[in-house]
Amino acid sequence: MNQQPTIESQFVSKLADNLNAEIVLGTVRNRDETICARDQVLWAVRCRWRLPGGRCNGLVQKHADIIHSVAALLEKCHLVKYERASGQFQSTELDRIASH
């Protein structure tokens, strides 16, 4: 039987690029908004394709850890300023250039 990767694993591969673009656009301003947005996207995709699972509060911490890691990577590359304590993102000039 053919096993396809989960929706979550497919999103993670492009999460840095997507998060970078969303920060530049102002769609998300902090870690909590990003977690909420990701949860809504995954839930909508699952509903549309009638996939098993739905909103799972157990995944919130996993999503938080992934978002934190991606934000830290973007900060290391000087694409965003990431305030770890508050979870706030701030776009940089290099971030705006890289997102286009």
N, C-alpha and C. Protein backbone atom coordinates (compact mmCIF):
# COMPACT_ATOMS: atom_id res chain seq x y z
N MET A 1 0.83 -1.18 0.00
CA MET A 1 0.00 0.00 0.00
C MET A 1 0.88 1.25 0.00
N ASN A 2 0.46 2.24 -0.70
CA ASN A 2 1.23 3.48 -0.82
C ASN A 2 0.97 4.38 0.38
N GLN A 3 2.01 4.71 1.11
CA GLN A 3 1.90 5.58 2.28
C GLN A 3 2.36 6.98 1.89
N GLN A 4 1.47 7.94 2.01
CA GLN A 4 1.84 9.32 1.72
C GLN A 4 2.23 10.02 3.01
N PRO A 5 3.18 10.96 2.92
CA PRO A 5 3.55 11.72 4.11
C PRO A 5 2.38 12.57 4.59
N THR A 6 2.38 12.88 5.85
CA THR A 6 1.29 13.68 6.41
C THR A 6 1.36 15.10 5.89
N ILE A 7 0.24 15.80 6.01
CA ILE A 7 0.17 17.20 5.59
C ILE A 7 1.22 18.02 6.34
N GLU A 8 1.35 17.75 7.65
CA GLU A 8 2.28 18.51 8.47
C GLU A 8 3.71 18.40 7.97
N SER A 9 4.13 17.20 7.59
CA SER A 9 5.51 17.03 7.14
C SER A 9 5.76 17.74 5.81
N GLN A 10 4.74 17.87 4.98
CA GLN A 10 4.90 18.58 3.72
C GLN A 10 5.00 20.09 3.94
N PHE A 11 4.33 20.61 4.95
CA PHE A 11 4.40 22.04 5.24
C PHE A 11 5.75 22.43 5.83
N VAL A 12 6.34 21.55 6.62
CA VAL A 12 7.59 21.88 7.31
C VAL A 12 8.71 22.15 6.33
N SER A 13 8.73 21.45 5.19
CA SER A 13 9.84 21.60 4.25
C SER A 13 9.95 23.02 3.68
N LYS A 14 8.86 23.74 3.59
CA LYS A 14 8.86 25.10 3.04
C LYS A 14 8.49 26.15 4.08
N LEU A 15 8.49 25.76 5.34
CA LEU A 15 8.02 26.66 6.39
C LEU A 15 8.88 27.91 6.52
N ALA A 16 10.18 27.81 6.38
CA ALA A 16 11.05 28.99 6.51
C ALA A 16 10.71 30.03 5.44
N ASP A 17 10.55 29.58 4.20
CA ASP A 17 10.20 30.50 3.12
C ASP A 17 8.83 31.12 3.35
N ASN A 18 7.87 30.29 3.75
CA ASN A 18 6.52 30.79 3.97
C ASN A 18 6.46 31.76 5.14
N LEU A 19 7.14 31.43 6.23
CA LEU A 19 7.13 32.31 7.39
C LEU A 19 7.81 33.64 7.05
N ASN A 20 8.89 33.57 6.32
CA ASN A 20 9.59 34.78 5.89
C ASN A 20 8.64 35.69 5.10
N ALA A 21 7.92 35.13 4.16
CA ALA A 21 7.00 35.92 3.35
C ALA A 21 5.85 36.48 4.19
N GLU A 22 5.33 35.70 5.10
CA GLU A 22 4.23 36.17 5.94
C GLU A 22 4.66 37.28 6.89
N ILE A 23 5.88 37.23 7.37
CA ILE A 23 6.39 38.30 8.23
C ILE A 23 6.51 39.59 7.43
N VAL A 24 7.05 39.50 6.22
CA VAL A 24 7.20 40.68 5.37
C VAL A 24 5.84 41.29 5.05
N LEU A 25 4.87 40.45 4.73
CA LEU A 25 3.53 40.94 4.40
C LEU A 25 2.77 41.47 5.61
N GLY A 26 3.22 41.12 6.80
CA GLY A 26 2.53 41.54 8.01
C GLY A 26 1.37 40.63 8.38
N THR A 27 1.29 39.47 7.74
CA THR A 27 0.22 38.51 8.04
C THR A 27 0.35 37.99 9.46
N VAL A 28 1.59 37.75 9.89
CA VAL A 28 1.85 37.32 11.27
C VAL A 28 2.86 38.27 11.89
N ARG A 29 2.67 38.55 13.16
CA ARG A 29 3.58 39.46 13.86
C ARG A 29 4.34 38.79 14.99
N ASN A 30 3.87 37.59 15.39
CA ASN A 30 4.53 36.91 16.49
C ASN A 30 4.33 35.40 16.40
N ARG A 31 4.97 34.70 17.30
CA ARG A 31 4.95 33.23 17.32
C ARG A 31 3.53 32.70 17.51
N ASP A 32 2.75 33.30 18.41
CA ASP A 32 1.40 32.80 18.69
C ASP A 32 0.48 32.94 17.49
N GLU A 33 0.56 34.06 16.78
CA GLU A 33 -0.25 34.23 15.57
C GLU A 33 0.14 33.21 14.51
N THR A 34 1.41 32.91 14.43
CA THR A 34 1.90 31.95 13.44
C THR A 34 1.38 30.55 13.75
N ILE A 35 1.40 30.17 15.02
CA ILE A 35 0.89 28.85 15.41
C ILE A 35 -0.59 28.75 15.09
N CYS A 36 -1.36 29.79 15.40
CA CYS A 36 -2.79 29.81 15.12
C CYS A 36 -3.05 29.73 13.63
N ALA A 37 -2.30 30.47 12.84
CA ALA A 37 -2.48 30.46 11.38
C ALA A 37 -2.16 29.09 10.81
N ARG A 38 -1.09 28.46 11.26
CA ARG A 38 -0.72 27.13 10.78
C ARG A 38 -1.81 26.11 11.14
N ASP A 39 -2.34 26.21 12.34
CA ASP A 39 -3.40 25.30 12.77
C ASP A 39 -4.62 25.45 11.86
N GLN A 40 -4.98 26.67 11.54
CA GLN A 40 -6.14 26.91 10.68
C GLN A 40 -5.91 26.37 9.28
N VAL A 41 -4.72 26.55 8.74
CA VAL A 41 -4.42 26.05 7.39
C VAL A 41 -4.48 24.53 7.36
N LEU A 42 -3.85 23.89 8.33
CA LEU A 42 -3.84 22.43 8.36
C LEU A 42 -5.25 21.88 8.53
N TRP A 43 -6.05 22.52 9.38
CA TRP A 43 -7.42 22.08 9.60
C TRP A 43 -8.24 22.24 8.32
N ALA A 44 -8.09 23.35 7.63
CA ALA A 44 -8.83 23.59 6.39
C ALA A 44 -8.46 22.58 5.31
N VAL A 45 -7.17 22.27 5.19
CA VAL A 45 -6.73 21.28 4.20
C VAL A 45 -7.31 19.91 4.53
N ARG A 46 -7.28 19.54 5.80
CA ARG A 46 -7.83 18.25 6.20
C ARG A 46 -9.33 18.18 5.90
N CYS A 47 -10.06 19.26 6.15
CA CYS A 47 -11.50 19.28 5.87
C CYS A 47 -11.76 19.19 4.37
N ARG A 48 -11.02 19.94 3.61
CA ARG A 48 -11.24 19.96 2.15
C ARG A 48 -11.02 18.58 1.54
N TRP A 49 -9.98 17.92 1.97
CA TRP A 49 -9.65 16.61 1.39
C TRP A 49 -10.19 15.47 2.23
N ARG A 50 -10.99 15.80 3.24
CA ARG A 50 -11.62 14.79 4.12
C ARG A 50 -10.59 13.81 4.69
N LEU A 51 -9.52 14.38 5.18
CA LEU A 51 -8.47 13.57 5.78
C LEU A 51 -8.78 13.34 7.25
N PRO A 52 -8.32 12.22 7.80
CA PRO A 52 -8.56 11.98 9.22
C PRO A 52 -7.82 13.00 10.08
N GLY A 53 -8.33 13.22 11.23
CA GLY A 53 -7.72 14.17 12.15
C GLY A 53 -8.38 15.52 12.00
N GLY A 54 -8.10 16.37 12.88
CA GLY A 54 -8.67 17.70 12.85
C GLY A 54 -7.82 18.57 13.73
N ARG A 55 -8.45 19.43 14.44
CA ARG A 55 -7.69 20.27 15.37
C ARG A 55 -7.30 19.42 16.56
N CYS A 56 -6.05 19.46 16.84
CA CYS A 56 -5.52 18.63 17.93
C CYS A 56 -4.69 19.51 18.83
N ASN A 57 -5.17 19.69 20.04
CA ASN A 57 -4.45 20.55 20.98
C ASN A 57 -3.10 19.97 21.35
N GLY A 58 -2.93 18.67 21.19
CA GLY A 58 -1.65 18.05 21.50
C GLY A 58 -0.55 18.47 20.55
N LEU A 59 -0.92 18.97 19.37
CA LEU A 59 0.08 19.40 18.41
C LEU A 59 0.53 20.83 18.60
N VAL A 60 -0.13 21.56 19.46
CA VAL A 60 0.19 22.98 19.65
C VAL A 60 1.65 23.15 20.09
N GLN A 61 2.10 22.36 21.05
CA GLN A 61 3.48 22.49 21.52
C GLN A 61 4.47 22.09 20.44
N LYS A 62 4.13 21.05 19.67
CA LYS A 62 5.01 20.64 18.57
C LYS A 62 5.11 21.76 17.54
N HIS A 63 3.97 22.37 17.19
CA HIS A 63 3.98 23.49 16.24
C HIS A 63 4.77 24.67 16.80
N ALA A 64 4.62 24.93 18.09
CA ALA A 64 5.35 26.02 18.73
C ALA A 64 6.86 25.79 18.63
N ASP A 65 7.28 24.56 18.87
CA ASP A 65 8.71 24.22 18.78
C ASP A 65 9.24 24.40 17.35
N ILE A 66 8.44 23.97 16.38
CA ILE A 66 8.86 24.09 14.98
C ILE A 66 8.95 25.56 14.58
N ILE A 67 7.94 26.35 14.93
CA ILE A 67 7.93 27.78 14.60
C ILE A 67 9.11 28.47 15.26
N HIS A 68 9.39 28.13 16.52
CA HIS A 68 10.53 28.73 17.23
C HIS A 68 11.84 28.40 16.49
N SER A 69 12.00 27.15 16.07
CA SER A 69 13.22 26.75 15.37
C SER A 69 13.38 27.49 14.05
N VAL A 70 12.28 27.62 13.32
CA VAL A 70 12.33 28.33 12.03
C VAL A 70 12.62 29.81 12.23
N ALA A 71 11.98 30.42 13.23
CA ALA A 71 12.22 31.84 13.51
C ALA A 71 13.68 32.06 13.93
N ALA A 72 14.23 31.14 14.72
CA ALA A 72 15.63 31.26 15.13
C ALA A 72 16.56 31.13 13.91
N LEU A 73 16.20 30.25 12.97
CA LEU A 73 16.99 30.11 11.75
C LEU A 73 16.93 31.39 10.91
N LEU A 74 15.75 31.97 10.78
CA LEU A 74 15.62 33.22 10.02
C LEU A 74 16.41 34.34 10.70
N GLU A 75 16.42 34.34 12.03
CA GLU A 75 17.19 35.35 12.75
C GLU A 75 18.69 35.14 12.54
N LYS A 76 19.12 33.90 12.55
CA LYS A 76 20.54 33.59 12.34
C LYS A 76 21.01 34.04 10.96
N CYS A 77 20.11 33.97 9.99
CA CYS A 77 20.42 34.41 8.61
C CYS A 77 20.20 35.91 8.43
N HIS A 78 19.88 36.62 9.51
CA HIS A 78 19.66 38.07 9.50
C HIS A 78 18.47 38.49 8.64
N LEU A 79 17.48 37.59 8.53
CA LEU A 79 16.29 37.91 7.76
C LEU A 79 15.21 38.56 8.61
N VAL A 80 15.14 38.18 9.88
CA VAL A 80 14.18 38.79 10.80
C VAL A 80 14.85 39.04 12.13
N LYS A 81 14.25 39.91 12.90
CA LYS A 81 14.62 40.08 14.30
C LYS A 81 13.57 39.34 15.09
N TYR A 82 14.01 38.41 15.92
CA TYR A 82 13.10 37.53 16.66
C TYR A 82 13.34 37.70 18.15
N GLU A 83 12.37 38.26 18.83
CA GLU A 83 12.43 38.43 20.28
C GLU A 83 11.91 37.13 20.91
N ARG A 84 12.83 36.32 21.39
CA ARG A 84 12.48 34.98 21.87
C ARG A 84 11.54 34.99 23.07
N ALA A 85 11.71 35.93 23.97
CA ALA A 85 10.89 35.96 25.18
C ALA A 85 9.42 36.26 24.86
N SER A 86 9.19 37.23 24.00
CA SER A 86 7.81 37.61 23.68
C SER A 86 7.29 36.93 22.42
N GLY A 87 8.20 36.42 21.60
CA GLY A 87 7.81 35.77 20.36
C GLY A 87 7.55 36.73 19.21
N GLN A 88 7.91 38.00 19.38
CA GLN A 88 7.65 39.01 18.35
C GLN A 88 8.64 38.89 17.20
N PHE A 89 8.12 39.12 15.97
CA PHE A 89 8.94 39.15 14.78
C PHE A 89 9.03 40.58 14.27
N GLN A 90 10.18 40.91 13.71
CA GLN A 90 10.33 42.21 13.06
C GLN A 90 11.10 41.97 11.77
N SER A 91 10.53 42.46 10.68
CA SER A 91 11.14 42.29 9.37
C SER A 91 12.38 43.18 9.25
N THR A 92 13.34 42.72 8.45
CA THR A 92 14.53 43.51 8.15
C THR A 92 14.53 43.83 6.65
N GLU A 93 15.43 44.70 6.25
CA GLU A 93 15.54 45.04 4.83
C GLU A 93 15.91 43.80 4.01
N LEU A 94 16.82 43.00 4.52
CA LEU A 94 17.23 41.77 3.83
C LEU A 94 16.05 40.81 3.71
N ASP A 95 15.22 40.77 4.72
CA ASP A 95 14.01 39.93 4.72
C ASP A 95 13.08 40.34 3.59
N ARG A 96 12.87 41.63 3.43
CA ARG A 96 11.98 42.13 2.37
C ARG A 96 12.54 41.79 0.98
N ILE A 97 13.84 41.88 0.82
CA ILE A 97 14.47 41.55 -0.46
C ILE A 97 14.36 40.05 -0.74
N ALA A 98 14.63 39.23 0.26
CA ALA A 98 14.62 37.78 0.10
C ALA A 98 13.23 37.22 -0.16
N SER A 99 12.21 37.89 0.29
CA SER A 99 10.84 37.35 0.14
C SER A 99 10.28 37.55 -1.26
N HIS A 100 10.90 38.40 -2.04
CA HIS A 100 10.38 38.66 -3.40
C HIS A 100 11.09 37.83 -4.36
